[in-house]
């Protein structure tokens, strides 16, 4: 399972809104490596990452077209770049 699915399950189960000391209880099996993606997702980058991916961001990044990937970054989402890259690496 890729991190996109893991993080969605984590969020749907209440992981993003859980107290920090309880978040481990919400991590789906096999998803331990997705912490950085979940951190960005829960920290407010979820809409940025989804929009960027829908607009071809992950496709451009995996094809090595960084200029095109940068051209579809939604306005106000520059701080989400590291999380978006981690998301794409695990989709």
C-alpha atoms as a PDB file:
ATOM      1  CA  UNK A   1       0.000   0.000   0.000  1.00  0.00           C
ATOM      2  CA  UNK A   2       1.332   3.441  -0.905  1.00  0.00           C
ATOM      3  CA  UNK A   3       1.461   6.391   1.455  1.00  0.00           C
ATOM      4  CA  UNK A   4      -1.441   8.102  -0.289  1.00  0.00           C
ATOM      5  CA  UNK A   5      -3.739   5.262   0.804  1.00  0.00           C
ATOM      6  CA  UNK A   6      -2.104   4.999   4.217  1.00  0.00           C
ATOM      7  CA  UNK A   7      -2.502   8.675   4.995  1.00  0.00           C
ATOM      8  CA  UNK A   8      -6.099   8.723   3.798  1.00  0.00           C
ATOM      9  CA  UNK A   9      -6.920   5.781   6.078  1.00  0.00           C
ATOM     10  CA  UNK A  10      -5.045   7.434   8.948  1.00  0.00           C
ATOM     11  CA  UNK A  11      -6.970  10.689   8.487  1.00  0.00           C
ATOM     12  CA  UNK A  12     -10.344   8.963   7.973  1.00  0.00           C
ATOM     13  CA  UNK A  13      -9.831   7.030  11.227  1.00  0.00           C
ATOM     14  CA  UNK A  14      -9.201  10.252  13.163  1.00  0.00           C
ATOM     15  CA  UNK A  15      -5.407  10.181  13.248  1.00  0.00           C
ATOM     16  CA  UNK A  16      -4.966  13.807  12.196  1.00  0.00           C
ATOM     17  CA  UNK A  17      -7.166  15.068  15.014  1.00  0.00           C
ATOM     18  CA  UNK A  18      -5.880  12.626  17.651  1.00  0.00           C
ATOM     19  CA  UNK A  19      -3.656  13.834  20.506  1.00  0.00           C
ATOM     20  CA  UNK A  20      -0.007  13.589  19.469  1.00  0.00           C
ATOM     21  CA  UNK A  21       0.740  10.831  21.969  1.00  0.00           C
ATOM     22  CA  UNK A  22      -2.094   8.709  20.521  1.00  0.00           C
ATOM     23  CA  UNK A  23      -1.465   9.059  16.773  1.00  0.00           C
ATOM     24  CA  UNK A  24       0.453   5.781  16.644  1.00  0.00           C
ATOM     25  CA  UNK A  25      -2.829   4.012  17.429  1.00  0.00           C
ATOM     26  CA  UNK A  26      -4.237   5.202  14.101  1.00  0.00           C
ATOM     27  CA  UNK A  27      -1.404   4.130  11.782  1.00  0.00           C
ATOM     28  CA  UNK A  28      -2.663   1.402   9.422  1.00  0.00           C
ATOM     29  CA  UNK A  29      -0.667  -1.839   9.239  1.00  0.00           C
ATOM     30  CA  UNK A  30       2.287  -1.565   6.879  1.00  0.00           C
ATOM     31  CA  UNK A  31       2.271   2.230   6.869  1.00  0.00           C
ATOM     32  CA  UNK A  32       4.998   3.096   9.378  1.00  0.00           C
ATOM     33  CA  UNK A  33       7.181   4.637   6.656  1.00  0.00           C
ATOM     34  CA  UNK A  34       4.547   7.256   5.809  1.00  0.00           C
ATOM     35  CA  UNK A  35       5.109   9.555   8.787  1.00  0.00           C
ATOM     36  CA  UNK A  36       6.511  12.479   6.786  1.00  0.00           C
ATOM     37  CA  UNK A  37       3.599  12.401   4.342  1.00  0.00           C
ATOM     38  CA  UNK A  38       1.079  12.189   7.192  1.00  0.00           C
ATOM     39  CA  UNK A  39       2.768  15.096   8.961  1.00  0.00           C
ATOM     40  CA  UNK A  40       2.319  17.344   5.935  1.00  0.00           C
ATOM     41  CA  UNK A  41      -1.152  16.055   5.174  1.00  0.00           C
ATOM     42  CA  UNK A  42      -2.409  16.624   8.698  1.00  0.00           C
ATOM     43  CA  UNK A  43      -0.547  19.922   8.933  1.00  0.00           C
ATOM     44  CA  UNK A  44      -2.725  21.496   6.265  1.00  0.00           C
ATOM     45  CA  UNK A  45      -1.018  20.439   3.053  1.00  0.00           C
ATOM     46  CA  UNK A  46      -3.649  17.857   2.128  1.00  0.00           C
ATOM     47  CA  UNK A  47      -5.580  20.145  -0.204  1.00  0.00           C
ATOM     48  CA  UNK A  48      -2.379  21.467  -1.772  1.00  0.00           C
ATOM     49  CA  UNK A  49      -1.017  17.974  -2.379  1.00  0.00           C
ATOM     50  CA  UNK A  50      -4.287  16.687  -3.859  1.00  0.00           C
ATOM     51  CA  UNK A  51      -4.667  19.672  -6.197  1.00  0.00           C
ATOM     52  CA  UNK A  52      -1.023  19.495  -7.272  1.00  0.00           C
ATOM     53  CA  UNK A  53      -1.305  15.774  -8.018  1.00  0.00           C
ATOM     54  CA  UNK A  54      -4.612  16.242  -9.885  1.00  0.00           C
ATOM     55  CA  UNK A  55      -2.926  18.894 -12.023  1.00  0.00           C
ATOM     56  CA  UNK A  56      -0.127  16.501 -12.969  1.00  0.00           C
ATOM     57  CA  UNK A  57       2.471  17.351 -10.327  1.00  0.00           C
ATOM     58  CA  UNK A  58       3.397  13.755  -9.449  1.00  0.00           C
ATOM     59  CA  UNK A  59       3.329  12.721 -13.091  1.00  0.00           C
ATOM     60  CA  UNK A  60       5.729  15.541 -13.985  1.00  0.00           C
ATOM     61  CA  UNK A  61       8.045  14.767 -11.056  1.00  0.00           C
ATOM     62  CA  UNK A  62       8.293  11.066 -11.836  1.00  0.00           C
ATOM     63  CA  UNK A  63       8.983  11.929 -15.483  1.00  0.00           C
ATOM     64  CA  UNK A  64      11.820  14.238 -14.411  1.00  0.00           C
ATOM     65  CA  UNK A  65      10.043  17.406 -15.539  1.00  0.00           C
ATOM     66  CA  UNK A  66      10.621  19.597 -12.498  1.00  0.00           C
ATOM     67  CA  UNK A  67       9.809  22.855 -14.333  1.00  0.00           C
ATOM     68  CA  UNK A  68       6.374  21.520 -15.263  1.00  0.00           C
ATOM     69  CA  UNK A  69       5.872  20.194 -11.729  1.00  0.00           C
ATOM     70  CA  UNK A  70       6.670  23.627 -10.313  1.00  0.00           C
ATOM     71  CA  UNK A  71       4.297  25.286 -12.765  1.00  0.00           C
ATOM     72  CA  UNK A  72       1.280  23.483 -11.285  1.00  0.00           C
ATOM     73  CA  UNK A  73       1.985  24.239  -7.600  1.00  0.00           C
ATOM     74  CA  UNK A  74      -1.228  25.790  -6.281  1.00  0.00           C
ATOM     75  CA  UNK A  75      -1.019  29.344  -4.976  1.00  0.00           C
ATOM     76  CA  UNK A  76      -0.036  29.480  -1.313  1.00  0.00           C
ATOM     77  CA  UNK A  77       1.289  25.913  -1.278  1.00  0.00           C
ATOM     78  CA  UNK A  78       5.037  26.446  -1.622  1.00  0.00           C
ATOM     79  CA  UNK A  79       5.665  25.257   1.946  1.00  0.00           C
ATOM     80  CA  UNK A  80       4.111  21.870   1.123  1.00  0.00           C
ATOM     81  CA  UNK A  81       6.749  20.870  -1.431  1.00  0.00           C
ATOM     82  CA  UNK A  82       8.685  18.418   0.705  1.00  0.00           C
ATOM     83  CA  UNK A  83       5.470  16.633   1.681  1.00  0.00           C
ATOM     84  CA  UNK A  84       4.250  16.551  -1.910  1.00  0.00           C
ATOM     85  CA  UNK A  85       7.515  14.959  -3.051  1.00  0.00           C
ATOM     86  CA  UNK A  86       7.254  12.311  -0.330  1.00  0.00           C
ATOM     87  CA  UNK A  87       3.652  11.696  -1.382  1.00  0.00           C
ATOM     88  CA  UNK A  88       4.666  11.186  -5.021  1.00  0.00           C
ATOM     89  CA  UNK A  89       7.463   8.802  -4.103  1.00  0.00           C
ATOM     90  CA  UNK A  90       4.973   6.497  -2.418  1.00  0.00           C
ATOM     91  CA  UNK A  91       1.886   6.717  -4.638  1.00  0.00           C
END
